[in-house]
Amino acid sequence: MFAEPKYDYSKLRGRIKEKCGTEGTFAREIRRSHNYLTNVFQGKSYFSQKDIDRGSEVLGIIPNEIGVYFFTKEVHKNETK
């Protein structure tokens, strides 16, 4: 059984701040609630294809850069005791 992937949205969050000012403004621009966006960033939900399409348009992300913003997997260092 595979674990659900966790994504690193730090680059996306930076772009949101740069282009929209706040995550709430971005959420409204993609026709979602701020709560929905919070759930995505906490790994409790995922962006739909429509959200990615709208978000890319709002943020001026070109198609070949979508993966960098929406699909960068979190990297965890091995824990030692």
PDB file of N, CA and C in Angstrom:
ATOM      1  N   MET A   1       0.847  -1.183   0.000  1.00  0.00           N
ATOM      2  CA  MET A   1       0.000   0.000   0.000  1.00  0.00           C
ATOM      3  C   MET A   1       0.893   1.247   0.000  1.00  0.00           C
ATOM      4  N   PHE A   2       0.505   2.221  -0.784  1.00  0.00           N
ATOM      5  CA  PHE A   2       1.287   3.442  -0.914  1.00  0.00           C
ATOM      6  C   PHE A   2       0.722   4.547  -0.026  1.00  0.00           C
ATOM      7  N   ALA A   3       1.610   5.352   0.524  1.00  0.00           N
ATOM      8  CA  ALA A   3       1.190   6.514   1.311  1.00  0.00           C
ATOM      9  C   ALA A   3       0.786   7.637   0.353  1.00  0.00           C
ATOM     10  N   GLU A   4      -0.147   8.451   0.802  1.00  0.00           N
ATOM     11  CA  GLU A   4      -0.552   9.613   0.009  1.00  0.00           C
ATOM     12  C   GLU A   4       0.635  10.568  -0.103  1.00  0.00           C
ATOM     13  N   PRO A   5       0.867  11.116  -1.278  1.00  0.00           N
ATOM     14  CA  PRO A   5       1.992  12.057  -1.414  1.00  0.00           C
ATOM     15  C   PRO A   5       1.721  13.356  -0.672  1.00  0.00           C
ATOM     16  N   LYS A   6       2.778  13.955  -0.155  1.00  0.00           N
ATOM     17  CA  LYS A   6       2.688  15.275   0.469  1.00  0.00           C
ATOM     18  C   LYS A   6       3.507  16.216  -0.387  1.00  0.00           C
ATOM     19  N   TYR A   7       2.946  17.387  -0.600  1.00  0.00           N
ATOM     20  CA  TYR A   7       3.584  18.335  -1.497  1.00  0.00           C
ATOM     21  C   TYR A   7       4.121  19.553  -0.745  1.00  0.00           C
ATOM     22  N   ASP A   8       5.201  20.091  -1.283  1.00  0.00           N
ATOM     23  CA  ASP A   8       5.813  21.303  -0.752  1.00  0.00           C
ATOM     24  C   ASP A   8       5.287  22.473  -1.583  1.00  0.00           C
ATOM     25  N   TYR A   9       4.437  23.275  -0.971  1.00  0.00           N
ATOM     26  CA  TYR A   9       3.823  24.396  -1.674  1.00  0.00           C
ATOM     27  C   TYR A   9       4.521  25.725  -1.387  1.00  0.00           C
ATOM     28  N   SER A  10       5.748  25.697  -0.884  1.00  0.00           N
ATOM     29  CA  SER A  10       6.417  26.944  -0.514  1.00  0.00           C
ATOM     30  C   SER A  10       6.606  27.873  -1.714  1.00  0.00           C
ATOM     31  N   LYS A  11       6.967  27.338  -2.856  1.00  0.00           N
ATOM     32  CA  LYS A  11       7.148  28.176  -4.046  1.00  0.00           C
ATOM     33  C   LYS A  11       5.801  28.746  -4.504  1.00  0.00           C
ATOM     34  N   LEU A  12       4.760  27.935  -4.467  1.00  0.00           N
ATOM     35  CA  LEU A  12       3.421  28.397  -4.818  1.00  0.00           C
ATOM     36  C   LEU A  12       2.965  29.493  -3.867  1.00  0.00           C
ATOM     37  N   ARG A  13       3.181  29.310  -2.581  1.00  0.00           N
ATOM     38  CA  ARG A  13       2.769  30.306  -1.601  1.00  0.00           C
ATOM     39  C   ARG A  13       3.512  31.627  -1.808  1.00  0.00           C
ATOM     40  N   GLY A  14       4.775  31.550  -2.185  1.00  0.00           N
ATOM     41  CA  GLY A  14       5.536  32.757  -2.487  1.00  0.00           C
ATOM     42  C   GLY A  14       4.970  33.485  -3.691  1.00  0.00           C
ATOM     43  N   ARG A  15       4.601  32.723  -4.711  1.00  0.00           N
ATOM     44  CA  ARG A  15       4.021  33.313  -5.930  1.00  0.00           C
ATOM     45  C   ARG A  15       2.664  33.947  -5.622  1.00  0.00           C
ATOM     46  N   ILE A  16       1.885  33.282  -4.762  1.00  0.00           N
ATOM     47  CA  ILE A  16       0.583  33.834  -4.358  1.00  0.00           C
ATOM     48  C   ILE A  16       0.786  35.178  -3.669  1.00  0.00           C
ATOM     49  N   LYS A  17       1.737  35.229  -2.757  1.00  0.00           N
ATOM     50  CA  LYS A  17       2.001  36.482  -2.039  1.00  0.00           C
ATOM     51  C   LYS A  17       2.456  37.576  -3.009  1.00  0.00           C
ATOM     52  N   GLU A  18       3.307  37.200  -3.944  1.00  0.00           N
ATOM     53  CA  GLU A  18       3.832  38.143  -4.926  1.00  0.00           C
ATOM     54  C   GLU A  18       2.736  38.698  -5.839  1.00  0.00           C
ATOM     55  N   LYS A  19       1.862  37.826  -6.332  1.00  0.00           N
ATOM     56  CA  LYS A  19       0.864  38.229  -7.332  1.00  0.00           C
ATOM     57  C   LYS A  19      -0.477  38.668  -6.746  1.00  0.00           C
ATOM     58  N   CYS A  20      -0.879  38.068  -5.607  1.00  0.00           N
ATOM     59  CA  CYS A  20      -2.211  38.343  -5.057  1.00  0.00           C
ATOM     60  C   CYS A  20      -2.184  39.065  -3.710  1.00  0.00           C
ATOM     61  N   GLY A  21      -1.057  39.062  -3.055  1.00  0.00           N
ATOM     62  CA  GLY A  21      -0.961  39.694  -1.745  1.00  0.00           C
ATOM     63  C   GLY A  21      -1.279  38.748  -0.611  1.00  0.00           C
ATOM     64  N   THR A  22      -2.445  38.100  -0.677  1.00  0.00           N
ATOM     65  CA  THR A  22      -2.838  37.173   0.389  1.00  0.00           C
ATOM     66  C   THR A  22      -3.386  35.870  -0.204  1.00  0.00           C
ATOM     67  N   GLU A  23      -3.366  34.831   0.609  1.00  0.00           N
ATOM     68  CA  GLU A  23      -3.946  33.548   0.188  1.00  0.00           C
ATOM     69  C   GLU A  23      -5.461  33.659   0.061  1.00  0.00           C
ATOM     70  N   GLY A  24      -6.079  34.507   0.885  1.00  0.00           N
ATOM     71  CA  GLY A  24      -7.523  34.723   0.790  1.00  0.00           C
ATOM     72  C   GLY A  24      -7.924  35.311  -0.553  1.00  0.00           C
ATOM     73  N   THR A  25      -7.147  36.269  -1.021  1.00  0.00           N
ATOM     74  CA  THR A  25      -7.407  36.868  -2.328  1.00  0.00           C
ATOM     75  C   THR A  25      -7.251  35.829  -3.425  1.00  0.00           C
ATOM     76  N   PHE A  26      -6.195  35.029  -3.336  1.00  0.00           N
ATOM     77  CA  PHE A  26      -5.982  33.963  -4.322  1.00  0.00           C
ATOM     78  C   PHE A  26      -7.149  32.980  -4.313  1.00  0.00           C
ATOM     79  N   ALA A  27      -7.589  32.589  -3.125  1.00  0.00           N
ATOM     80  CA  ALA A  27      -8.712  31.651  -3.012  1.00  0.00           C
ATOM     81  C   ALA A  27      -9.943  32.208  -3.725  1.00  0.00           C
ATOM     82  N   ARG A  28     -10.234  33.478  -3.517  1.00  0.00           N
ATOM     83  CA  ARG A  28     -11.387  34.095  -4.191  1.00  0.00           C
ATOM     84  C   ARG A  28     -11.202  34.100  -5.707  1.00  0.00           C
ATOM     85  N   GLU A  29      -9.990  34.378  -6.147  1.00  0.00           N
ATOM     86  CA  GLU A  29      -9.705  34.420  -7.591  1.00  0.00           C
ATOM     87  C   GLU A  29      -9.936  33.065  -8.269  1.00  0.00           C
ATOM     88  N   ILE A  30      -9.682  31.972  -7.534  1.00  0.00           N
ATOM     89  CA  ILE A  30      -9.899  30.641  -8.127  1.00  0.00           C
ATOM     90  C   ILE A  30     -11.263  30.067  -7.716  1.00  0.00           C
ATOM     91  N   ARG A  31     -12.085  30.938  -7.109  1.00  0.00           N
ATOM     92  CA  ARG A  31     -13.458  30.584  -6.718  1.00  0.00           C
ATOM     93  C   ARG A  31     -13.503  29.472  -5.674  1.00  0.00           C
ATOM     94  N   ARG A  32     -12.625  29.595  -4.689  1.00  0.00           N
ATOM     95  CA  ARG A  32     -12.578  28.657  -3.564  1.00  0.00           C
ATOM     96  C   ARG A  32     -12.552  29.438  -2.260  1.00  0.00           C
ATOM     97  N   SER A  33     -12.805  28.747  -1.158  1.00  0.00           N
ATOM     98  CA  SER A  33     -12.746  29.403   0.145  1.00  0.00           C
ATOM     99  C   SER A  33     -11.313  29.372   0.674  1.00  0.00           C
ATOM    100  N   HIS A  34     -11.034  30.288   1.579  1.00  0.00           N
ATOM    101  CA  HIS A  34      -9.713  30.292   2.209  1.00  0.00           C
ATOM    102  C   HIS A  34      -9.524  29.002   2.997  1.00  0.00           C
ATOM    103  N   ASN A  35     -10.604  28.483   3.588  1.00  0.00           N
ATOM    104  CA  ASN A  35     -10.539  27.229   4.341  1.00  0.00           C
ATOM    105  C   ASN A  35     -10.108  26.072   3.432  1.00  0.00           C
ATOM    106  N   TYR A  36     -10.635  26.025   2.232  1.00  0.00           N
ATOM    107  CA  TYR A  36     -10.237  24.994   1.262  1.00  0.00           C
ATOM    108  C   TYR A  36      -8.734  25.075   0.994  1.00  0.00           C
ATOM    109  N   LEU A  37      -8.245  26.279   0.768  1.00  0.00           N
ATOM    110  CA  LEU A  37      -6.827  26.476   0.485  1.00  0.00           C
ATOM    111  C   LEU A  37      -5.977  26.039   1.675  1.00  0.00           C
ATOM    112  N   THR A  38      -6.409  26.374   2.870  1.00  0.00           N
ATOM    113  CA  THR A  38      -5.700  25.950   4.079  1.00  0.00           C
ATOM    114  C   THR A  38      -5.630  24.431   4.154  1.00  0.00           C
ATOM    115  N   ASN A  39      -6.725  23.767   3.858  1.00  0.00           N
ATOM    116  CA  ASN A  39      -6.745  22.302   3.876  1.00  0.00           C
ATOM    117  C   ASN A  39      -5.775  21.711   2.859  1.00  0.00           C
ATOM    118  N   VAL A  40      -5.685  22.307   1.682  1.00  0.00           N
ATOM    119  CA  VAL A  40      -4.736  21.837   0.671  1.00  0.00           C
ATOM    120  C   VAL A  40      -3.310  22.003   1.187  1.00  0.00           C
ATOM    121  N   PHE A  41      -2.994  23.168   1.721  1.00  0.00           N
ATOM    122  CA  PHE A  41      -1.639  23.429   2.198  1.00  0.00           C
ATOM    123  C   PHE A  41      -1.269  22.561   3.399  1.00  0.00           C
ATOM    124  N   GLN A  42      -2.263  22.096   4.147  1.00  0.00           N
ATOM    125  CA  GLN A  42      -2.009  21.205   5.286  1.00  0.00           C
ATOM    126  C   GLN A  42      -2.032  19.731   4.890  1.00  0.00           C
ATOM    127  N   GLY A  43      -2.232  19.455   3.610  1.00  0.00           N
ATOM    128  CA  GLY A  43      -2.242  18.075   3.138  1.00  0.00           C
ATOM    129  C   GLY A  43      -3.529  17.327   3.399  1.00  0.00           C
ATOM    130  N   LYS A  44      -4.592  18.033   3.738  1.00  0.00           N
ATOM    131  CA  LYS A  44      -5.884  17.398   4.014  1.00  0.00           C
ATOM    132  C   LYS A  44      -6.750  17.292   2.763  1.00  0.00           C
ATOM    133  N   SER A  45      -6.347  17.963   1.702  1.00  0.00           N
ATOM    134  CA  SER A  45      -7.071  17.966   0.441  1.00  0.00           C
ATOM    135  C   SER A  45      -6.065  18.209  -0.677  1.00  0.00           C
ATOM    136  N   TYR A  46      -6.527  18.143  -1.908  1.00  0.00           N
ATOM    137  CA  TYR A  46      -5.657  18.368  -3.065  1.00  0.00           C
ATOM    138  C   TYR A  46      -6.321  19.334  -4.026  1.00  0.00           C
ATOM    139  N   PHE A  47      -5.494  20.030  -4.801  1.00  0.00           N
ATOM    140  CA  PHE A  47      -6.021  20.899  -5.844  1.00  0.00           C
ATOM    141  C   PHE A  47      -6.644  20.045  -6.944  1.00  0.00           C
ATOM    142  N   SER A  48      -7.793  20.489  -7.451  1.00  0.00           N
ATOM    143  CA  SER A  48      -8.392  19.822  -8.613  1.00  0.00           C
ATOM    144  C   SER A  48      -7.691  20.344  -9.866  1.00  0.00           C
ATOM    145  N   GLN A  49      -7.913  19.688 -10.975  1.00  0.00           N
ATOM    146  CA  GLN A  49      -7.340  20.154 -12.237  1.00  0.00           C
ATOM    147  C   GLN A  49      -7.844  21.559 -12.563  1.00  0.00           C
ATOM    148  N   LYS A  50      -9.111  21.812 -12.278  1.00  0.00           N
ATOM    149  CA  LYS A  50      -9.692  23.125 -12.535  1.00  0.00           C
ATOM    150  C   LYS A  50      -9.014  24.189 -11.666  1.00  0.00           C
ATOM    151  N   ASP A  51      -8.743  23.845 -10.391  1.00  0.00           N
ATOM    152  CA  ASP A  51      -8.053  24.784  -9.498  1.00  0.00           C
ATOM    153  C   ASP A  51      -6.650  25.098 -10.017  1.00  0.00           C
ATOM    154  N   ILE A  52      -5.953  24.080 -10.483  1.00  0.00           N
ATOM    155  CA  ILE A  52      -4.602  24.270 -11.009  1.00  0.00           C
ATOM    156  C   ILE A  52      -4.645  25.144 -12.260  1.00  0.00           C
ATOM    157  N   ASP A  53      -5.609  24.893 -13.115  1.00  0.00           N
ATOM    158  CA  ASP A  53      -5.754  25.696 -14.334  1.00  0.00           C
ATOM    159  C   ASP A  53      -6.052  27.159 -13.996  1.00  0.00           C
ATOM    160  N   ARG A  54      -7.027  27.386 -13.121  1.00  0.00           N
ATOM    161  CA  ARG A  54      -7.377  28.753 -12.717  1.00  0.00           C
ATOM    162  C   ARG A  54      -6.212  29.418 -11.987  1.00  0.00           C
ATOM    163  N   GLY A  55      -5.608  28.671 -11.065  1.00  0.00           N
ATOM    164  CA  GLY A  55      -4.498  29.209 -10.287  1.00  0.00           C
ATOM    165  C   GLY A  55      -3.326  29.601 -11.150  1.00  0.00           C
ATOM    166  N   SER A  56      -3.006  28.776 -12.133  1.00  0.00           N
ATOM    167  CA  SER A  56      -1.911  29.084 -13.052  1.00  0.00           C
ATOM    168  C   SER A  56      -2.191  30.352 -13.834  1.00  0.00           C
ATOM    169  N   GLU A  57      -3.438  30.502 -14.250  1.00  0.00           N
ATOM    170  CA  GLU A  57      -3.817  31.699 -14.996  1.00  0.00           C
ATOM    171  C   GLU A  57      -3.702  32.947 -14.124  1.00  0.00           C
ATOM    172  N   VAL A  58      -4.236  32.868 -12.909  1.00  0.00           N
ATOM    173  CA  VAL A  58      -4.193  34.004 -11.975  1.00  0.00           C
ATOM    174  C   VAL A  58      -2.747  34.396 -11.649  1.00  0.00           C
ATOM    175  N   LEU A  59      -1.891  33.387 -11.489  1.00  0.00           N
ATOM    176  CA  LEU A  59      -0.517  33.638 -11.050  1.00  0.00           C
ATOM    177  C   LEU A  59       0.473  33.802 -12.200  1.00  0.00           C
ATOM    178  N   GLY A  60      -0.001  33.668 -13.428  1.00  0.00           N
ATOM    179  CA  GLY A  60       0.886  33.818 -14.573  1.00  0.00           C
ATOM    180  C   GLY A  60       1.922  32.715 -14.672  1.00  0.00           C
ATOM    181  N   ILE A  61       1.530  31.496 -14.319  1.00  0.00           N
ATOM    182  CA  ILE A  61       2.431  30.342 -14.396  1.00  0.00           C
ATOM    183  C   ILE A  61       2.244  29.684 -15.758  1.00  0.00           C
ATOM    184  N   ILE A  62       3.337  29.547 -16.494  1.00  0.00           N
ATOM    185  CA  ILE A  62       3.246  28.933 -17.819  1.00  0.00           C
ATOM    186  C   ILE A  62       3.135  27.408 -17.671  1.00  0.00           C
ATOM    187  N   PRO A  63       2.527  26.747 -18.648  1.00  0.00           N
ATOM    188  CA  PRO A  63       2.257  25.314 -18.539  1.00  0.00           C
ATOM    189  C   PRO A  63       3.453  24.443 -18.138  1.00  0.00           C
ATOM    190  N   ASN A  64       4.635  24.702 -18.684  1.00  0.00           N
ATOM    191  CA  ASN A  64       5.755  23.814 -18.350  1.00  0.00           C
ATOM    192  C   ASN A  64       6.338  24.089 -16.964  1.00  0.00           C
ATOM    193  N   GLU A  65       5.801  25.076 -16.226  1.00  0.00           N
ATOM    194  CA  GLU A  65       6.239  25.334 -14.855  1.00  0.00           C
ATOM    195  C   GLU A  65       5.221  24.883 -13.812  1.00  0.00           C
ATOM    196  N   ILE A  66       4.076  24.383 -14.233  1.00  0.00           N
ATOM    197  CA  ILE A  66       3.018  23.986 -13.302  1.00  0.00           C
ATOM    198  C   ILE A  66       3.519  22.972 -12.273  1.00  0.00           C
ATOM    199  N   GLY A  67       4.280  22.006 -12.703  1.00  0.00           N
ATOM    200  CA  GLY A  67       4.777  20.987 -11.791  1.00  0.00           C
ATOM    201  C   GLY A  67       5.623  21.546 -10.670  1.00  0.00           C
ATOM    202  N   VAL A  68       6.405  22.562 -10.950  1.00  0.00           N
ATOM    203  CA  VAL A  68       7.271  23.169  -9.935  1.00  0.00           C
ATOM    204  C   VAL A  68       6.435  23.790  -8.812  1.00  0.00           C
ATOM    205  N   TYR A  69       5.308  24.370  -9.156  1.00  0.00           N
ATOM    206  CA  TYR A  69       4.466  25.049  -8.174  1.00  0.00           C
ATOM    207  C   TYR A  69       3.449  24.130  -7.497  1.00  0.00           C
ATOM    208  N   PHE A  70       2.903  23.171  -8.234  1.00  0.00           N
ATOM    209  CA  PHE A  70       1.806  22.360  -7.704  1.00  0.00           C
ATOM    210  C   PHE A  70       2.166  20.910  -7.377  1.00  0.00           C
ATOM    211  N   PHE A  71       3.309  20.409  -7.841  1.00  0.00           N
ATOM    212  CA  PHE A  71       3.608  18.994  -7.653  1.00  0.00           C
ATOM    213  C   PHE A  71       4.996  18.695  -7.115  1.00  0.00           C
ATOM    214  N   THR A  72       5.612  19.637  -6.410  1.00  0.00           N
ATOM    215  CA  THR A  72       6.906  19.368  -5.792  1.00  0.00           C
ATOM    216  C   THR A  72       6.659  18.589  -4.514  1.00  0.00           C
ATOM    217  N   LYS A  73       7.180  17.380  -4.447  1.00  0.00           N
ATOM    218  CA  LYS A  73       6.968  16.537  -3.266  1.00  0.00           C
ATOM    219  C   LYS A  73       7.864  16.988  -2.127  1.00  0.00           C
ATOM    220  N   GLU A  74       7.319  16.866  -0.915  1.00  0.00           N
ATOM    221  CA  GLU A  74       8.106  17.178   0.280  1.00  0.00           C
ATOM    222  C   GLU A  74       9.233  16.176   0.406  1.00  0.00           C
ATOM    223  N   VAL A  75      10.373  16.645   0.864  1.00  0.00           N
ATOM    224  CA  VAL A  75      11.511  15.775   1.111  1.00  0.00           C
ATOM    225  C   VAL A  75      11.737  15.743   2.610  1.00  0.00           C
ATOM    226  N   HIS A  76      11.771  14.532   3.157  1.00  0.00           N
ATOM    227  CA  HIS A  76      11.986  14.373   4.590  1.00  0.00           C
ATOM    228  C   HIS A  76      13.348  13.755   4.828  1.00  0.00           C
ATOM    229  N   LYS A  77      14.076  14.337   5.755  1.00  0.00           N
ATOM    230  CA  LYS A  77      15.353  13.754   6.145  1.00  0.00           C
ATOM    231  C   LYS A  77      15.073  12.579   7.060  1.00  0.00           C
ATOM    232  N   ASN A  78      15.915  11.558   6.978  1.00  0.00           N
ATOM    233  CA  ASN A  78      15.756  10.407   7.864  1.00  0.00           C
ATOM    234  C   ASN A  78      16.015  10.855   9.292  1.00  0.00           C
ATOM    235  N   GLU A  79      15.175  10.382  10.193  1.00  0.00           N
ATOM    236  CA  GLU A  79      15.332  10.728  11.595  1.00  0.00           C
ATOM    237  C   GLU A  79      16.289   9.743  12.240  1.00  0.00           C
ATOM    238  N   THR A  80      17.113  10.252  13.110  1.00  0.00           N
ATOM    239  CA  THR A  80      18.019   9.383  13.876  1.00  0.00           C
ATOM    240  C   THR A  80      17.739   9.576  15.353  1.00  0.00           C
ATOM    241  N   LYS A  81      17.939   8.521  16.100  1.00  0.00           N
ATOM    242  CA  LYS A  81      17.695   8.596  17.560  1.00  0.00           C
ATOM    243  C   LYS A  81      18.996   8.635  18.308  1.00  0.00           C
TER     244      LYS A  81
END
